[in-house]
Amino acid sequence: GKVAVITVAGGQGSRLGFDAPKGM
């Protein structure tokens, strides 16, 4: 249990033509 994960998910999917957070 010594490891954690950080996912940086602040971006929108607008460059992909996707109107939602990129993670979706």
PDB file of all heavy atoms in Angstrom:
ATOM      1  N   GLY A   1       0.804  -1.224   0.000  1.00  0.00           N
ATOM      2  CA  GLY A   1       0.000   0.000   0.000  1.00  0.00           C
ATOM      3  C   GLY A   1       0.831   1.266   0.000  1.00  0.00           C
ATOM      4  O   GLY A   1       0.384   2.305   0.491  1.00  0.00           O
ATOM      5  N   LYS A   2       2.031   1.210  -0.582  1.00  0.00           N
ATOM      6  CA  LYS A   2       2.945   2.345  -0.571  1.00  0.00           C
ATOM      7  C   LYS A   2       2.835   3.227  -1.807  1.00  0.00           C
ATOM      8  O   LYS A   2       3.601   4.178  -1.957  1.00  0.00           O
ATOM      9  CB  LYS A   2       4.394   1.841  -0.454  1.00  0.00           C
ATOM     10  CG  LYS A   2       4.687   1.006   0.783  1.00  0.00           C
ATOM     11  CD  LYS A   2       4.540   1.813   2.058  1.00  0.00           C
ATOM     12  CE  LYS A   2       4.944   1.003   3.285  1.00  0.00           C
ATOM     13  NZ  LYS A   2       4.738   1.776   4.537  1.00  0.00           N
ATOM     14  N   VAL A   3       1.900   2.898  -2.716  1.00  0.00           N
ATOM     15  CA  VAL A   3       1.829   3.593  -4.004  1.00  0.00           C
ATOM     16  C   VAL A   3       0.437   4.189  -4.209  1.00  0.00           C
ATOM     17  O   VAL A   3      -0.579   3.548  -3.926  1.00  0.00           O
ATOM     18  CB  VAL A   3       2.144   2.618  -5.168  1.00  0.00           C
ATOM     19  CG1 VAL A   3       2.061   3.345  -6.517  1.00  0.00           C
ATOM     20  CG2 VAL A   3       3.521   1.986  -4.983  1.00  0.00           C
ATOM     21  N   ALA A   4       0.403   5.420  -4.702  1.00  0.00           N
ATOM     22  CA  ALA A   4      -0.839   6.060  -5.129  1.00  0.00           C
ATOM     23  C   ALA A   4      -0.702   6.468  -6.595  1.00  0.00           C
ATOM     24  O   ALA A   4       0.402   6.482  -7.149  1.00  0.00           O
ATOM     25  CB  ALA A   4      -1.137   7.288  -4.269  1.00  0.00           C
ATOM     26  N   VAL A   5      -1.836   6.797  -7.215  1.00  0.00           N
ATOM     27  CA  VAL A   5      -1.869   7.227  -8.614  1.00  0.00           C
ATOM     28  C   VAL A   5      -2.438   8.634  -8.695  1.00  0.00           C
ATOM     29  O   VAL A   5      -3.420   8.952  -8.017  1.00  0.00           O
ATOM     30  CB  VAL A   5      -2.747   6.296  -9.469  1.00  0.00           C
ATOM     31  CG1 VAL A   5      -2.882   6.831 -10.892  1.00  0.00           C
ATOM     32  CG2 VAL A   5      -2.189   4.895  -9.494  1.00  0.00           C
ATOM     33  N   ILE A   6      -1.811   9.469  -9.525  1.00  0.00           N
ATOM     34  CA  ILE A   6      -2.392  10.761  -9.873  1.00  0.00           C
ATOM     35  C   ILE A   6      -2.660  10.774 -11.371  1.00  0.00           C
ATOM     36  O   ILE A   6      -1.767  10.523 -12.182  1.00  0.00           O
ATOM     37  CB  ILE A   6      -1.462  11.933  -9.506  1.00  0.00           C
ATOM     38  CG1 ILE A   6      -1.434  12.144  -7.990  1.00  0.00           C
ATOM     39  CG2 ILE A   6      -1.918  13.218 -10.207  1.00  0.00           C
ATOM     40  CD1 ILE A   6      -0.509  13.251  -7.543  1.00  0.00           C
ATOM     41  N   THR A   7      -3.915  11.053 -11.728  1.00  0.00           N
ATOM     42  CA  THR A   7      -4.305  11.240 -13.123  1.00  0.00           C
ATOM     43  C   THR A   7      -4.623  12.709 -13.332  1.00  0.00           C
ATOM     44  O   THR A   7      -5.497  13.262 -12.649  1.00  0.00           O
ATOM     45  CB  THR A   7      -5.542  10.386 -13.470  1.00  0.00           C
ATOM     46  OG1 THR A   7      -5.256   9.011 -13.242  1.00  0.00           O
ATOM     47  CG2 THR A   7      -5.946  10.592 -14.927  1.00  0.00           C
ATOM     48  N   VAL A   8      -3.917  13.342 -14.253  1.00  0.00           N
ATOM     49  CA  VAL A   8      -4.143  14.754 -14.551  1.00  0.00           C
ATOM     50  C   VAL A   8      -5.231  14.835 -15.612  1.00  0.00           C
ATOM     51  O   VAL A   8      -5.031  14.423 -16.756  1.00  0.00           O
ATOM     52  CB  VAL A   8      -2.853  15.433 -15.041  1.00  0.00           C
ATOM     53  CG1 VAL A   8      -3.112  16.884 -15.420  1.00  0.00           C
ATOM     54  CG2 VAL A   8      -1.787  15.360 -13.946  1.00  0.00           C
ATOM     55  N   ALA A   9      -6.403  15.342 -15.231  1.00  0.00           N
ATOM     56  CA  ALA A   9      -7.589  15.261 -16.087  1.00  0.00           C
ATOM     57  C   ALA A   9      -8.314  16.598 -16.161  1.00  0.00           C
ATOM     58  O   ALA A   9      -9.541  16.662 -16.052  1.00  0.00           O
ATOM     59  CB  ALA A   9      -8.531  14.171 -15.569  1.00  0.00           C
ATOM     60  N   GLY A  10      -7.552  17.659 -16.360  1.00  0.00           N
ATOM     61  CA  GLY A  10      -8.164  18.984 -16.407  1.00  0.00           C
ATOM     62  C   GLY A  10      -8.609  19.421 -17.778  1.00  0.00           C
ATOM     63  O   GLY A  10      -9.263  20.458 -17.921  1.00  0.00           O
ATOM     64  N   GLY A  11      -8.272  18.619 -18.818  1.00  0.00           N
ATOM     65  CA  GLY A  11      -8.526  19.062 -20.179  1.00  0.00           C
ATOM     66  C   GLY A  11      -9.876  18.628 -20.726  1.00  0.00           C
ATOM     67  O   GLY A  11     -10.387  17.558 -20.397  1.00  0.00           O
ATOM     68  N   GLN A  12     -10.436  19.467 -21.588  1.00  0.00           N
ATOM     69  CA  GLN A  12     -11.647  19.136 -22.315  1.00  0.00           C
ATOM     70  C   GLN A  12     -11.277  18.399 -23.601  1.00  0.00           C
ATOM     71  O   GLN A  12     -10.141  18.455 -24.064  1.00  0.00           O
ATOM     72  CB  GLN A  12     -12.421  20.408 -22.679  1.00  0.00           C
ATOM     73  CG  GLN A  12     -12.958  21.171 -21.469  1.00  0.00           C
ATOM     74  CD  GLN A  12     -14.288  20.604 -20.980  1.00  0.00           C
ATOM     75  OE1 GLN A  12     -14.520  19.398 -21.009  1.00  0.00           O
ATOM     76  NE2 GLN A  12     -15.166  21.489 -20.525  1.00  0.00           N
ATOM     77  N   GLY A  13     -12.252  17.732 -24.212  1.00  0.00           N
ATOM     78  CA  GLY A  13     -12.007  17.014 -25.460  1.00  0.00           C
ATOM     79  C   GLY A  13     -12.294  17.848 -26.689  1.00  0.00           C
ATOM     80  O   GLY A  13     -12.557  17.293 -27.768  1.00  0.00           O
ATOM     81  N   SER A  14     -12.246  19.171 -26.562  1.00  0.00           N
ATOM     82  CA  SER A  14     -12.656  20.051 -27.656  1.00  0.00           C
ATOM     83  C   SER A  14     -11.818  19.854 -28.910  1.00  0.00           C
ATOM     84  O   SER A  14     -12.338  19.926 -30.029  1.00  0.00           O
ATOM     85  CB  SER A  14     -12.609  21.515 -27.204  1.00  0.00           C
ATOM     86  OG  SER A  14     -11.355  21.820 -26.616  1.00  0.00           O
ATOM     87  N   ARG A  15     -10.520  19.576 -28.766  1.00  0.00           N
ATOM     88  CA  ARG A  15      -9.677  19.362 -29.954  1.00  0.00           C
ATOM     89  C   ARG A  15     -10.059  18.083 -30.686  1.00  0.00           C
ATOM     90  O   ARG A  15      -9.707  17.896 -31.848  1.00  0.00           O
ATOM     91  CB  ARG A  15      -8.199  19.300 -29.553  1.00  0.00           C
ATOM     92  CG  ARG A  15      -7.614  20.649 -29.207  1.00  0.00           C
ATOM     93  CD  ARG A  15      -6.188  20.544 -28.737  1.00  0.00           C
ATOM     94  NE  ARG A  15      -5.294  20.005 -29.756  1.00  0.00           N
ATOM     95  CZ  ARG A  15      -4.003  19.761 -29.555  1.00  0.00           C
ATOM     96  NH1 ARG A  15      -3.477  19.990 -28.359  1.00  0.00           N
ATOM     97  NH2 ARG A  15      -3.250  19.286 -30.528  1.00  0.00           N
ATOM     98  N   LEU A  16     -10.795  17.209 -30.007  1.00  0.00           N
ATOM     99  CA  LEU A  16     -11.244  15.961 -30.617  1.00  0.00           C
ATOM    100  C   LEU A  16     -12.678  16.076 -31.127  1.00  0.00           C
ATOM    101  O   LEU A  16     -13.256  15.082 -31.590  1.00  0.00           O
ATOM    102  CB  LEU A  16     -11.162  14.825 -29.587  1.00  0.00           C
ATOM    103  CG  LEU A  16      -9.818  14.646 -28.875  1.00  0.00           C
ATOM    104  CD1 LEU A  16      -9.929  13.553 -27.820  1.00  0.00           C
ATOM    105  CD2 LEU A  16      -8.715  14.329 -29.867  1.00  0.00           C
ATOM    106  N   GLY A  17     -13.249  17.280 -31.025  1.00  0.00           N
ATOM    107  CA  GLY A  17     -14.646  17.449 -31.388  1.00  0.00           C
ATOM    108  C   GLY A  17     -15.582  16.817 -30.375  1.00  0.00           C
ATOM    109  O   GLY A  17     -16.706  16.421 -30.702  1.00  0.00           O
ATOM    110  N   PHE A  18     -15.138  16.756 -29.113  1.00  0.00           N
ATOM    111  CA  PHE A  18     -15.854  16.056 -28.046  1.00  0.00           C
ATOM    112  C   PHE A  18     -16.165  17.050 -26.943  1.00  0.00           C
ATOM    113  O   PHE A  18     -15.265  17.599 -26.307  1.00  0.00           O
ATOM    114  CB  PHE A  18     -14.980  14.910 -27.530  1.00  0.00           C
ATOM    115  CG  PHE A  18     -15.600  14.060 -26.465  1.00  0.00           C
ATOM    116  CD1 PHE A  18     -16.680  13.240 -26.738  1.00  0.00           C
ATOM    117  CD2 PHE A  18     -15.076  14.042 -25.176  1.00  0.00           C
ATOM    118  CE1 PHE A  18     -17.248  12.441 -25.753  1.00  0.00           C
ATOM    119  CE2 PHE A  18     -15.618  13.244 -24.189  1.00  0.00           C
ATOM    120  CZ  PHE A  18     -16.707  12.445 -24.485  1.00  0.00           C
ATOM    121  N   ASP A  19     -17.434  17.297 -26.703  1.00  0.00           N
ATOM    122  CA  ASP A  19     -17.847  18.349 -25.783  1.00  0.00           C
ATOM    123  C   ASP A  19     -18.029  17.812 -24.370  1.00  0.00           C
ATOM    124  O   ASP A  19     -19.134  17.787 -23.815  1.00  0.00           O
ATOM    125  CB  ASP A  19     -19.160  18.970 -26.273  1.00  0.00           C
ATOM    126  CG  ASP A  19     -19.555  20.201 -25.458  1.00  0.00           C
ATOM    127  OD1 ASP A  19     -18.655  20.817 -24.850  1.00  0.00           O
ATOM    128  OD2 ASP A  19     -20.750  20.543 -25.441  1.00  0.00           O
ATOM    129  N   ALA A  20     -16.918  17.364 -23.783  1.00  0.00           N
ATOM    130  CA  ALA A  20     -16.928  16.825 -22.414  1.00  0.00           C
ATOM    131  C   ALA A  20     -15.481  16.675 -21.970  1.00  0.00           C
ATOM    132  O   ALA A  20     -14.555  16.817 -22.784  1.00  0.00           O
ATOM    133  CB  ALA A  20     -17.655  15.478 -22.374  1.00  0.00           C
ATOM    134  N   PRO A  21     -15.252  16.393 -20.686  1.00  0.00           N
ATOM    135  CA  PRO A  21     -13.876  16.128 -20.250  1.00  0.00           C
ATOM    136  C   PRO A  21     -13.239  15.011 -21.076  1.00  0.00           C
ATOM    137  O   PRO A  21     -13.893  14.017 -21.416  1.00  0.00           O
ATOM    138  CB  PRO A  21     -14.053  15.716 -18.792  1.00  0.00           C
ATOM    139  CG  PRO A  21     -15.285  16.427 -18.351  1.00  0.00           C
ATOM    140  CD  PRO A  21     -16.196  16.399 -19.548  1.00  0.00           C
ATOM    141  N   LYS A  22     -11.964  15.169 -21.374  1.00  0.00           N
ATOM    142  CA  LYS A  22     -11.292  14.204 -22.249  1.00  0.00           C
ATOM    143  C   LYS A  22     -11.307  12.792 -21.667  1.00  0.00           C
ATOM    144  O   LYS A  22     -11.364  11.799 -22.401  1.00  0.00           O
ATOM    145  CB  LYS A  22      -9.844  14.642 -22.520  1.00  0.00           C
ATOM    146  CG  LYS A  22      -9.150  13.780 -23.551  1.00  0.00           C
ATOM    147  CD  LYS A  22      -7.710  14.202 -23.796  1.00  0.00           C
ATOM    148  CE  LYS A  22      -7.620  15.447 -24.631  1.00  0.00           C
ATOM    149  NZ  LYS A  22      -6.221  15.733 -25.029  1.00  0.00           N
ATOM    150  N   GLY A  23     -11.272  12.663 -20.356  1.00  0.00           N
ATOM    151  CA  GLY A  23     -11.277  11.340 -19.734  1.00  0.00           C
ATOM    152  C   GLY A  23     -12.535  10.541 -20.039  1.00  0.00           C
ATOM    153  O   GLY A  23     -12.554   9.316 -19.885  1.00  0.00           O
ATOM    154  N   MET A  24     -13.600  11.207 -20.483  1.00  0.00           N
ATOM    155  CA  MET A  24     -14.852  10.538 -20.821  1.00  0.00           C
ATOM    156  C   MET A  24     -14.893  10.114 -22.286  1.00  0.00           C
ATOM    157  O   MET A  24     -15.895   9.560 -22.748  1.00  0.00           O
ATOM    158  CB  MET A  24     -16.034  11.455 -20.492  1.00  0.00           C
ATOM    159  CG  MET A  24     -16.179  11.729 -19.006  1.00  0.00           C
ATOM    160  SD  MET A  24     -17.217  13.170 -18.597  1.00  0.00           S
ATOM    161  CE  MET A  24     -18.761  12.730 -19.368  1.00  0.00           C
TER     162      MET A  24
END
